[in-house]
Amino acid sequence: MLNGVSDDLARAFEAAYPELLRLARSRLRQEQAPISTRTLAHELYLGLQHRTDLRFGSRGEFLAYAGKAMRHLLVDLARERLAQKRDADLLPLTLGQDVADDSATPDQVLMLNQALEQLGRIDPRLLQVAEMRAVLGLEVPEVAVALGVSEPTVKRDWQRARAFLYDALGRAS
C-alpha cells in the first residue's frame, strides 16, 4: 500500500488514466459542469484512494466502477449547483442516440440519476451498460470488451436501458 492507496487501485488508475481523461473530456463536453477534465479524473481518484476494499480483476471491472463513481461525482456537482440556483428553468431531458442530451440542467442530471438507480435495482447489467455508454461515453465494442459480452448483447441491453430511462424520465416530468 502506498499513501493509503491499495496497489491494485493505484495500478488500475495509472493504467487507465489516459483513457479516464479522454472519457472525462467526452462527458464534460455534454455537461454544463464547471469542472475540468483533470479535476474530474483526480476527484475520481481521491474518492477511491481510501477504499482498501476495492479489487479489480479486469480493466472492465475498473471501468464499470469508474463509470459509477464519475456519475456520482457529476450528480453531487449538480446538487451543489442546484443549491446555488434553485430557480433553474426545467426542460425535458432527452436521450440522444448514445448519450444524454448535452443541454442537461442540474435537475435533469438528478432525474437521470434516479432513473439509473431504479434501472440498477431491476437489472444491474443494464445499469452498467447505461453508465458506460451514457456516463463514460464508451462505444459498443468497448463496453462489450469491458463486460465480457458480445456486441449484439450490449446493443440489446443499451436499447432496453434507453427504453426504461425514456419511460422513467417521461413519468418524472
N, C-alpha and C. Protein backbone atom coordinates (compact mmCIF):
# COMPACT_ATOMS: atom_id res chain seq x y z
N MET A 1 0.84 -1.17 0.00
CA MET A 1 0.00 0.00 0.00
C MET A 1 0.89 1.24 0.00
N LEU A 2 0.52 2.24 -0.80
CA LEU A 2 1.30 3.46 -0.94
C LEU A 2 0.41 4.65 -0.61
N ASN A 3 0.75 5.42 0.42
CA ASN A 3 -0.03 6.59 0.83
C ASN A 3 -1.51 6.27 1.01
N GLY A 4 -1.84 5.13 1.57
CA GLY A 4 -3.22 4.75 1.82
C GLY A 4 -3.95 4.22 0.61
N VAL A 5 -3.27 4.09 -0.52
CA VAL A 5 -3.90 3.62 -1.75
C VAL A 5 -3.45 2.19 -2.00
N SER A 6 -4.41 1.29 -2.22
CA SER A 6 -4.03 -0.09 -2.47
C SER A 6 -3.24 -0.17 -3.77
N ASP A 7 -2.33 -1.12 -3.82
CA ASP A 7 -1.51 -1.30 -5.03
C ASP A 7 -2.38 -1.59 -6.24
N ASP A 8 -3.44 -2.40 -6.06
CA ASP A 8 -4.34 -2.72 -7.17
C ASP A 8 -5.00 -1.46 -7.72
N LEU A 9 -5.50 -0.63 -6.83
CA LEU A 9 -6.17 0.59 -7.26
C LEU A 9 -5.18 1.54 -7.94
N ALA A 10 -4.01 1.71 -7.35
CA ALA A 10 -3.01 2.60 -7.93
C ALA A 10 -2.63 2.14 -9.33
N ARG A 11 -2.40 0.83 -9.50
CA ARG A 11 -2.05 0.30 -10.82
C ARG A 11 -3.19 0.46 -11.81
N ALA A 12 -4.41 0.14 -11.37
CA ALA A 12 -5.58 0.25 -12.26
C ALA A 12 -5.78 1.70 -12.68
N PHE A 13 -5.65 2.62 -11.75
CA PHE A 13 -5.85 4.03 -12.07
C PHE A 13 -4.76 4.53 -13.00
N GLU A 14 -3.52 4.18 -12.71
CA GLU A 14 -2.41 4.62 -13.55
C GLU A 14 -2.54 4.08 -14.97
N ALA A 15 -2.92 2.82 -15.11
CA ALA A 15 -3.08 2.22 -16.43
C ALA A 15 -4.24 2.85 -17.20
N ALA A 16 -5.28 3.21 -16.49
CA ALA A 16 -6.48 3.74 -17.14
C ALA A 16 -6.50 5.26 -17.21
N TYR A 17 -5.52 5.93 -16.62
CA TYR A 17 -5.55 7.39 -16.52
C TYR A 17 -5.74 8.10 -17.87
N PRO A 18 -4.96 7.77 -18.90
CA PRO A 18 -5.18 8.46 -20.18
C PRO A 18 -6.60 8.24 -20.71
N GLU A 19 -7.12 7.03 -20.54
CA GLU A 19 -8.47 6.75 -21.00
C GLU A 19 -9.50 7.47 -20.13
N LEU A 20 -9.26 7.54 -18.84
CA LEU A 20 -10.19 8.26 -17.96
C LEU A 20 -10.23 9.75 -18.32
N LEU A 21 -9.08 10.32 -18.68
CA LEU A 21 -9.06 11.72 -19.12
C LEU A 21 -9.88 11.89 -20.40
N ARG A 22 -9.72 10.96 -21.33
CA ARG A 22 -10.48 11.02 -22.59
C ARG A 22 -11.98 10.90 -22.29
N LEU A 23 -12.33 9.96 -21.44
CA LEU A 23 -13.74 9.75 -21.10
C LEU A 23 -14.31 10.95 -20.35
N ALA A 24 -13.54 11.50 -19.43
CA ALA A 24 -13.99 12.67 -18.67
C ALA A 24 -14.17 13.86 -19.62
N ARG A 25 -13.24 14.04 -20.55
CA ARG A 25 -13.34 15.13 -21.53
C ARG A 25 -14.61 14.97 -22.36
N SER A 26 -14.87 13.75 -22.80
CA SER A 26 -16.06 13.47 -23.59
C SER A 26 -17.32 13.76 -22.78
N ARG A 27 -17.34 13.32 -21.55
CA ARG A 27 -18.52 13.50 -20.71
C ARG A 27 -18.74 14.97 -20.37
N LEU A 28 -17.67 15.68 -20.07
CA LEU A 28 -17.82 17.07 -19.67
C LEU A 28 -18.25 17.95 -20.83
N ARG A 29 -17.98 17.54 -22.05
CA ARG A 29 -18.49 18.26 -23.21
C ARG A 29 -20.01 18.24 -23.22
N GLN A 30 -20.60 17.20 -22.62
CA GLN A 30 -22.05 17.03 -22.64
C GLN A 30 -22.71 17.62 -21.40
N GLU A 31 -21.95 18.01 -20.43
CA GLU A 31 -22.49 18.57 -19.19
C GLU A 31 -22.19 20.06 -19.15
N GLN A 32 -22.98 20.76 -18.41
CA GLN A 32 -22.71 22.18 -18.16
C GLN A 32 -21.98 22.28 -16.82
N ALA A 33 -21.09 21.37 -16.57
CA ALA A 33 -20.41 21.29 -15.28
C ALA A 33 -19.18 22.20 -15.27
N PRO A 34 -19.04 23.02 -14.24
CA PRO A 34 -17.87 23.89 -14.14
C PRO A 34 -16.69 23.15 -13.52
N ILE A 35 -16.20 22.14 -14.20
CA ILE A 35 -15.11 21.32 -13.69
C ILE A 35 -14.26 20.89 -14.88
N SER A 36 -12.96 20.81 -14.67
CA SER A 36 -12.07 20.43 -15.77
C SER A 36 -11.96 18.91 -15.86
N THR A 37 -11.47 18.46 -16.99
CA THR A 37 -11.27 17.04 -17.23
C THR A 37 -10.35 16.44 -16.17
N ARG A 38 -9.22 17.07 -15.97
CA ARG A 38 -8.26 16.55 -14.98
C ARG A 38 -8.85 16.57 -13.57
N THR A 39 -9.59 17.62 -13.27
CA THR A 39 -10.19 17.71 -11.94
C THR A 39 -11.17 16.56 -11.73
N LEU A 40 -11.99 16.26 -12.74
CA LEU A 40 -12.94 15.15 -12.62
C LEU A 40 -12.20 13.83 -12.42
N ALA A 41 -11.15 13.59 -13.22
CA ALA A 41 -10.38 12.35 -13.08
C ALA A 41 -9.69 12.29 -11.71
N HIS A 42 -9.16 13.42 -11.25
CA HIS A 42 -8.48 13.43 -9.95
C HIS A 42 -9.48 13.28 -8.80
N GLU A 43 -10.66 13.88 -8.94
CA GLU A 43 -11.69 13.70 -7.93
C GLU A 43 -12.10 12.24 -7.83
N LEU A 44 -12.17 11.59 -8.98
CA LEU A 44 -12.46 10.16 -9.01
C LEU A 44 -11.40 9.41 -8.20
N TYR A 45 -10.15 9.71 -8.46
CA TYR A 45 -9.05 9.05 -7.76
C TYR A 45 -9.10 9.34 -6.26
N LEU A 46 -9.32 10.60 -5.90
CA LEU A 46 -9.37 10.96 -4.48
C LEU A 46 -10.52 10.24 -3.77
N GLY A 47 -11.62 10.09 -4.47
CA GLY A 47 -12.75 9.38 -3.89
C GLY A 47 -12.47 7.90 -3.67
N LEU A 48 -11.58 7.35 -4.48
CA LEU A 48 -11.26 5.93 -4.38
C LEU A 48 -10.06 5.66 -3.47
N GLN A 49 -9.29 6.67 -3.21
CA GLN A 49 -7.99 6.48 -2.57
C GLN A 49 -8.04 5.83 -1.19
N HIS A 50 -9.06 6.05 -0.45
CA HIS A 50 -9.13 5.47 0.90
C HIS A 50 -9.92 4.17 0.94
N ARG A 51 -10.28 3.68 -0.20
CA ARG A 51 -11.07 2.44 -0.28
C ARG A 51 -10.11 1.25 -0.37
N THR A 52 -9.85 0.62 0.73
CA THR A 52 -8.95 -0.53 0.74
C THR A 52 -9.67 -1.81 0.36
N ASP A 53 -11.00 -1.74 0.26
CA ASP A 53 -11.78 -2.94 -0.04
C ASP A 53 -11.94 -3.20 -1.53
N LEU A 54 -11.45 -2.30 -2.36
CA LEU A 54 -11.65 -2.44 -3.81
C LEU A 54 -10.56 -3.30 -4.43
N ARG A 55 -10.97 -4.23 -5.25
CA ARG A 55 -10.05 -5.07 -6.03
C ARG A 55 -10.64 -5.18 -7.42
N PHE A 56 -9.82 -4.97 -8.41
CA PHE A 56 -10.28 -5.03 -9.79
C PHE A 56 -9.57 -6.17 -10.51
N GLY A 57 -10.36 -7.16 -10.90
CA GLY A 57 -9.80 -8.32 -11.59
C GLY A 57 -9.55 -8.06 -13.06
N SER A 58 -10.18 -7.00 -13.59
CA SER A 58 -10.02 -6.72 -15.01
C SER A 58 -10.20 -5.23 -15.26
N ARG A 59 -9.80 -4.81 -16.43
CA ARG A 59 -9.99 -3.43 -16.86
C ARG A 59 -11.48 -3.10 -16.88
N GLY A 60 -12.28 -4.06 -17.30
CA GLY A 60 -13.72 -3.86 -17.36
C GLY A 60 -14.32 -3.57 -16.01
N GLU A 61 -13.87 -4.30 -14.99
CA GLU A 61 -14.37 -4.06 -13.64
C GLU A 61 -14.02 -2.65 -13.18
N PHE A 62 -12.79 -2.23 -13.49
CA PHE A 62 -12.37 -0.89 -13.09
C PHE A 62 -13.20 0.16 -13.82
N LEU A 63 -13.40 0.00 -15.13
CA LEU A 63 -14.18 0.98 -15.89
C LEU A 63 -15.64 1.02 -15.43
N ALA A 64 -16.20 -0.14 -15.09
CA ALA A 64 -17.57 -0.16 -14.58
C ALA A 64 -17.65 0.63 -13.27
N TYR A 65 -16.68 0.43 -12.41
CA TYR A 65 -16.66 1.15 -11.14
C TYR A 65 -16.42 2.65 -11.39
N ALA A 66 -15.50 2.96 -12.30
CA ALA A 66 -15.19 4.36 -12.61
C ALA A 66 -16.42 5.07 -13.18
N GLY A 67 -17.19 4.38 -14.01
CA GLY A 67 -18.40 4.97 -14.56
C GLY A 67 -19.39 5.33 -13.48
N LYS A 68 -19.57 4.42 -12.54
CA LYS A 68 -20.49 4.67 -11.43
C LYS A 68 -19.98 5.83 -10.57
N ALA A 69 -18.69 5.82 -10.27
CA ALA A 69 -18.12 6.87 -9.42
C ALA A 69 -18.18 8.23 -10.12
N MET A 70 -17.91 8.26 -11.43
CA MET A 70 -17.96 9.51 -12.17
C MET A 70 -19.40 10.04 -12.19
N ARG A 71 -20.36 9.15 -12.36
CA ARG A 71 -21.77 9.56 -12.34
C ARG A 71 -22.10 10.20 -11.00
N HIS A 72 -21.66 9.59 -9.91
CA HIS A 72 -21.95 10.13 -8.59
C HIS A 72 -21.28 11.49 -8.38
N LEU A 73 -20.07 11.66 -8.91
CA LEU A 73 -19.40 12.96 -8.80
C LEU A 73 -20.19 14.03 -9.55
N LEU A 74 -20.65 13.71 -10.75
CA LEU A 74 -21.42 14.67 -11.53
C LEU A 74 -22.77 14.97 -10.88
N VAL A 75 -23.38 13.96 -10.27
CA VAL A 75 -24.64 14.18 -9.56
C VAL A 75 -24.41 15.09 -8.36
N ASP A 76 -23.35 14.84 -7.61
CA ASP A 76 -23.04 15.70 -6.47
C ASP A 76 -22.81 17.14 -6.91
N LEU A 77 -22.12 17.31 -8.02
CA LEU A 77 -21.87 18.64 -8.57
C LEU A 77 -23.19 19.29 -8.99
N ALA A 78 -24.08 18.53 -9.59
CA ALA A 78 -25.39 19.06 -10.00
C ALA A 78 -26.19 19.48 -8.76
N ARG A 79 -26.11 18.70 -7.71
CA ARG A 79 -26.83 19.06 -6.47
C ARG A 79 -26.29 20.37 -5.90
N GLU A 80 -24.98 20.53 -5.94
CA GLU A 80 -24.37 21.77 -5.45
C GLU A 80 -24.85 22.95 -6.28
N ARG A 81 -24.86 22.77 -7.59
CA ARG A 81 -25.29 23.86 -8.47
C ARG A 81 -26.76 24.19 -8.24
N LEU A 82 -27.58 23.18 -7.99
CA LEU A 82 -28.99 23.43 -7.72
C LEU A 82 -29.17 24.19 -6.42
N ALA A 83 -28.37 23.84 -5.44
CA ALA A 83 -28.47 24.53 -4.16
C ALA A 83 -28.15 26.01 -4.33
N GLN A 84 -27.28 26.32 -5.27
CA GLN A 84 -26.91 27.71 -5.53
C GLN A 84 -27.93 28.42 -6.43
N LYS A 85 -28.65 27.64 -7.21
CA LYS A 85 -29.55 28.24 -8.20
C LYS A 85 -30.84 27.44 -8.24
N ARG A 86 -31.74 27.69 -7.33
CA ARG A 86 -32.97 26.91 -7.22
C ARG A 86 -33.99 27.22 -8.31
N ASP A 87 -33.87 28.34 -8.99
CA ASP A 87 -34.88 28.71 -9.96
C ASP A 87 -34.48 28.38 -11.39
N ALA A 88 -33.76 27.28 -11.60
CA ALA A 88 -33.34 26.89 -12.95
C ALA A 88 -34.56 26.53 -13.78
N ASP A 89 -34.55 26.93 -15.05
CA ASP A 89 -35.63 26.55 -15.96
C ASP A 89 -35.54 25.07 -16.25
N LEU A 90 -36.66 24.37 -16.14
CA LEU A 90 -36.66 22.94 -16.38
C LEU A 90 -37.11 22.66 -17.79
N LEU A 91 -36.32 21.87 -18.48
CA LEU A 91 -36.64 21.42 -19.82
C LEU A 91 -36.65 19.90 -19.79
N PRO A 92 -37.44 19.25 -20.65
CA PRO A 92 -37.43 17.79 -20.64
C PRO A 92 -36.05 17.25 -21.04
N LEU A 93 -35.61 16.24 -20.33
CA LEU A 93 -34.33 15.60 -20.64
C LEU A 93 -34.56 14.56 -21.71
N THR A 94 -33.73 14.59 -22.73
CA THR A 94 -33.86 13.61 -23.81
C THR A 94 -32.59 12.81 -23.91
N LEU A 95 -32.73 11.56 -24.27
CA LEU A 95 -31.57 10.73 -24.52
C LEU A 95 -31.34 10.70 -26.01
N GLY A 96 -30.15 11.08 -26.43
CA GLY A 96 -29.81 11.05 -27.84
C GLY A 96 -29.50 9.63 -28.27
N GLN A 97 -28.87 9.50 -29.40
CA GLN A 97 -28.54 8.18 -29.92
C GLN A 97 -27.68 7.40 -28.93
N ASP A 98 -26.70 8.06 -28.34
CA ASP A 98 -25.78 7.34 -27.47
C ASP A 98 -25.72 7.86 -26.04
N VAL A 99 -25.92 9.15 -25.85
CA VAL A 99 -25.70 9.71 -24.53
C VAL A 99 -26.78 10.72 -24.20
N ALA A 100 -26.81 11.12 -22.92
CA ALA A 100 -27.77 12.13 -22.50
C ALA A 100 -27.52 13.41 -23.28
N ASP A 101 -28.60 14.13 -23.59
CA ASP A 101 -28.55 15.37 -24.34
C ASP A 101 -27.55 16.32 -23.68
N ASP A 102 -26.89 17.12 -24.50
CA ASP A 102 -25.83 17.99 -23.99
C ASP A 102 -26.34 19.26 -23.30
N SER A 103 -27.63 19.45 -23.19
CA SER A 103 -28.14 20.65 -22.55
C SER A 103 -28.78 20.34 -21.20
N ALA A 104 -28.37 19.27 -20.56
CA ALA A 104 -28.98 18.84 -19.30
C ALA A 104 -28.73 19.86 -18.19
N THR A 105 -29.80 20.18 -17.49
CA THR A 105 -29.70 21.05 -16.32
C THR A 105 -29.38 20.18 -15.10
N PRO A 106 -28.98 20.81 -13.99
CA PRO A 106 -28.74 20.01 -12.78
C PRO A 106 -29.95 19.18 -12.36
N ASP A 107 -31.16 19.75 -12.49
CA ASP A 107 -32.37 18.99 -12.15
C ASP A 107 -32.48 17.74 -13.02
N GLN A 108 -32.16 17.88 -14.28
CA GLN A 108 -32.27 16.76 -15.21
C GLN A 108 -31.22 15.70 -14.90
N VAL A 109 -30.03 16.13 -14.49
CA VAL A 109 -28.99 15.17 -14.10
C VAL A 109 -29.47 14.35 -12.91
N LEU A 110 -30.12 15.02 -11.96
CA LEU A 110 -30.63 14.32 -10.78
C LEU A 110 -31.77 13.37 -11.15
N MET A 111 -32.64 13.79 -12.07
CA MET A 111 -33.72 12.91 -12.52
C MET A 111 -33.14 11.68 -13.23
N LEU A 112 -32.12 11.90 -14.06
CA LEU A 112 -31.48 10.79 -14.75
C LEU A 112 -30.83 9.85 -13.73
N ASN A 113 -30.20 10.40 -12.71
CA ASN A 113 -29.58 9.58 -11.68
C ASN A 113 -30.62 8.71 -10.98
N GLN A 114 -31.78 9.27 -10.65
CA GLN A 114 -32.83 8.49 -10.00
C GLN A 114 -33.30 7.37 -10.92
N ALA A 115 -33.45 7.68 -12.20
CA ALA A 115 -33.88 6.65 -13.16
C ALA A 115 -32.82 5.55 -13.27
N LEU A 116 -31.54 5.93 -13.27
CA LEU A 116 -30.46 4.94 -13.33
C LEU A 116 -30.47 4.06 -12.08
N GLU A 117 -30.73 4.64 -10.93
CA GLU A 117 -30.80 3.84 -9.70
C GLU A 117 -31.94 2.83 -9.78
N GLN A 118 -33.09 3.26 -10.31
CA GLN A 118 -34.22 2.33 -10.49
C GLN A 118 -33.83 1.21 -11.45
N LEU A 119 -33.16 1.56 -12.53
CA LEU A 119 -32.72 0.57 -13.52
C LEU A 119 -31.78 -0.44 -12.87
N GLY A 120 -30.88 0.02 -12.03
CA GLY A 120 -29.94 -0.87 -11.35
C GLY A 120 -30.62 -1.85 -10.42
N ARG A 121 -31.72 -1.45 -9.82
CA ARG A 121 -32.47 -2.37 -8.95
C ARG A 121 -33.16 -3.46 -9.78
N ILE A 122 -33.50 -3.14 -11.01
CA ILE A 122 -34.17 -4.10 -11.89
C ILE A 122 -33.16 -5.03 -12.56
N ASP A 123 -32.08 -4.45 -13.10
CA ASP A 123 -31.09 -5.25 -13.83
C ASP A 123 -29.73 -4.58 -13.74
N PRO A 124 -28.84 -5.07 -12.87
CA PRO A 124 -27.53 -4.45 -12.69
C PRO A 124 -26.70 -4.34 -13.97
N ARG A 125 -26.80 -5.33 -14.87
CA ARG A 125 -26.01 -5.24 -16.10
C ARG A 125 -26.51 -4.12 -17.00
N LEU A 126 -27.82 -3.91 -17.06
CA LEU A 126 -28.35 -2.79 -17.84
C LEU A 126 -27.82 -1.47 -17.28
N LEU A 127 -27.72 -1.38 -15.97
CA LEU A 127 -27.16 -0.18 -15.35
C LEU A 127 -25.71 0.00 -15.77
N GLN A 128 -24.93 -1.08 -15.74
CA GLN A 128 -23.53 -0.96 -16.15
C GLN A 128 -23.41 -0.50 -17.59
N VAL A 129 -24.23 -1.06 -18.46
CA VAL A 129 -24.20 -0.67 -19.87
C VAL A 129 -24.57 0.81 -20.00
N ALA A 130 -25.63 1.23 -19.30
CA ALA A 130 -26.07 2.62 -19.36
C ALA A 130 -24.99 3.56 -18.83
N GLU A 131 -24.34 3.19 -17.73
CA GLU A 131 -23.28 4.05 -17.19
C GLU A 131 -22.09 4.13 -18.14
N MET A 132 -21.72 3.00 -18.72
CA MET A 132 -20.58 3.01 -19.63
C MET A 132 -20.89 3.78 -20.91
N ARG A 133 -22.12 3.67 -21.39
CA ARG A 133 -22.49 4.38 -22.62
C ARG A 133 -22.79 5.84 -22.34
N ALA A 134 -23.69 6.13 -21.38
CA ALA A 134 -24.16 7.49 -21.17
C ALA A 134 -23.23 8.33 -20.29
N VAL A 135 -22.59 7.72 -19.31
CA VAL A 135 -21.74 8.49 -18.41
C VAL A 135 -20.31 8.54 -18.92
N LEU A 136 -19.74 7.39 -19.25
CA LEU A 136 -18.36 7.37 -19.73
C LEU A 136 -18.25 7.65 -21.23
N GLY A 137 -19.34 7.44 -21.96
CA GLY A 137 -19.31 7.68 -23.40
C GLY A 137 -18.58 6.61 -24.19
N LEU A 138 -18.49 5.40 -23.62
CA LEU A 138 -17.81 4.31 -24.33
C LEU A 138 -18.65 3.84 -25.51
N GLU A 139 -17.99 3.38 -26.54
CA GLU A 139 -18.66 2.82 -27.71
C GLU A 139 -19.04 1.37 -27.42
N VAL A 140 -19.94 0.83 -28.23
CA VAL A 140 -20.44 -0.54 -28.04
C VAL A 140 -19.30 -1.56 -27.95
N PRO A 141 -18.31 -1.54 -28.87
CA PRO A 141 -17.23 -2.54 -28.76
C PRO A 141 -16.45 -2.43 -27.45
N GLU A 142 -16.24 -1.20 -26.97
CA GLU A 142 -15.51 -1.01 -25.72
C GLU A 142 -16.30 -1.57 -24.53
N VAL A 143 -17.61 -1.35 -24.54
CA VAL A 143 -18.46 -1.87 -23.46
C VAL A 143 -18.47 -3.39 -23.50
N ALA A 144 -18.56 -3.95 -24.71
CA ALA A 144 -18.59 -5.42 -24.85
C ALA A 144 -17.32 -6.03 -24.26
N VAL A 145 -16.17 -5.45 -24.58
CA VAL A 145 -14.90 -5.98 -24.05
C VAL A 145 -14.86 -5.81 -22.53
N ALA A 146 -15.26 -4.63 -22.06
CA ALA A 146 -15.20 -4.36 -20.62
C ALA A 146 -16.09 -5.31 -19.81
N LEU A 147 -17.26 -5.64 -20.36
CA LEU A 147 -18.19 -6.50 -19.63
C LEU A 147 -18.05 -7.98 -19.99
N GLY A 148 -17.26 -8.27 -21.02
CA GLY A 148 -17.08 -9.67 -21.42
C GLY A 148 -18.31 -10.27 -22.06
N VAL A 149 -19.05 -9.45 -22.82
CA VAL A 149 -20.24 -9.93 -23.53
C VAL A 149 -20.10 -9.54 -25.00
N SER A 150 -21.01 -10.05 -25.83
CA SER A 150 -20.93 -9.75 -27.26
C SER A 150 -21.48 -8.35 -27.55
N GLU A 151 -21.09 -7.81 -28.70
CA GLU A 151 -21.59 -6.51 -29.12
C GLU A 151 -23.11 -6.51 -29.31
N PRO A 152 -23.70 -7.57 -29.92
CA PRO A 152 -25.16 -7.58 -30.02
C PRO A 152 -25.84 -7.55 -28.64
N THR A 153 -25.23 -8.20 -27.65
CA THR A 153 -25.79 -8.16 -26.30
C THR A 153 -25.76 -6.74 -25.75
N VAL A 154 -24.65 -6.04 -25.96
CA VAL A 154 -24.55 -4.65 -25.49
C VAL A 154 -25.59 -3.79 -26.20
N LYS A 155 -25.76 -3.98 -27.50
CA LYS A 155 -26.75 -3.19 -28.26
C LYS A 155 -28.15 -3.44 -27.72
N ARG A 156 -28.49 -4.71 -27.47
CA ARG A 156 -29.81 -5.03 -26.91
C ARG A 156 -29.98 -4.43 -25.52
N ASP A 157 -28.94 -4.58 -24.69
CA ASP A 157 -29.01 -4.03 -23.33
C ASP A 157 -29.16 -2.51 -23.35
N TRP A 158 -28.42 -1.85 -24.23
CA TRP A 158 -28.49 -0.39 -24.33
C TRP A 158 -29.87 0.03 -24.82
N GLN A 159 -30.43 -0.71 -25.75
CA GLN A 159 -31.77 -0.40 -26.25
C GLN A 159 -32.80 -0.55 -25.11
N ARG A 160 -32.69 -1.63 -24.34
CA ARG A 160 -33.59 -1.84 -23.21
C ARG A 160 -33.40 -0.75 -22.14
N ALA A 161 -32.14 -0.42 -21.85
CA ALA A 161 -31.85 0.59 -20.84
C ALA A 161 -32.41 1.95 -21.27
N ARG A 162 -32.20 2.32 -22.53
CA ARG A 162 -32.71 3.59 -23.04
C ARG A 162 -34.23 3.63 -22.99
N ALA A 163 -34.88 2.52 -23.34
CA ALA A 163 -36.35 2.47 -23.28
C ALA A 163 -36.83 2.68 -21.85
N PHE A 164 -36.18 2.01 -20.91
CA PHE A 164 -36.55 2.15 -19.50
C PHE A 164 -36.35 3.61 -19.06
N LEU A 165 -35.19 4.18 -19.39
CA LEU A 165 -34.89 5.56 -18.97
C LEU A 165 -35.85 6.55 -19.60
N TYR A 166 -36.17 6.33 -20.87
CA TYR A 166 -37.12 7.21 -21.55
C TYR A 166 -38.47 7.19 -20.83
N ASP A 167 -38.91 5.99 -20.51
CA ASP A 167 -40.18 5.83 -19.80
C ASP A 167 -40.12 6.46 -18.41
N ALA A 168 -39.05 6.18 -17.67
CA ALA A 168 -38.90 6.70 -16.31
C ALA A 168 -38.81 8.23 -16.32
N LEU A 169 -38.08 8.78 -17.25
CA LEU A 169 -37.94 10.24 -17.33
C LEU A 169 -39.24 10.89 -17.79
N GLY A 170 -39.97 10.20 -18.65
CA GLY A 170 -41.27 10.71 -19.10
C GLY A 170 -42.26 10.80 -17.96
N ARG A 171 -42.23 9.81 -17.08
CA ARG A 171 -43.13 9.82 -15.91
C ARG A 171 -42.72 10.90 -14.91
N ALA A 172 -41.41 11.19 -14.86
CA ALA A 172 -40.91 12.15 -13.88
C ALA A 172 -41.20 13.60 -14.27
N SER A 173 -41.41 13.86 -15.55
CA SER A 173 -41.61 15.26 -15.95
C SER A 173 -43.06 15.65 -16.01
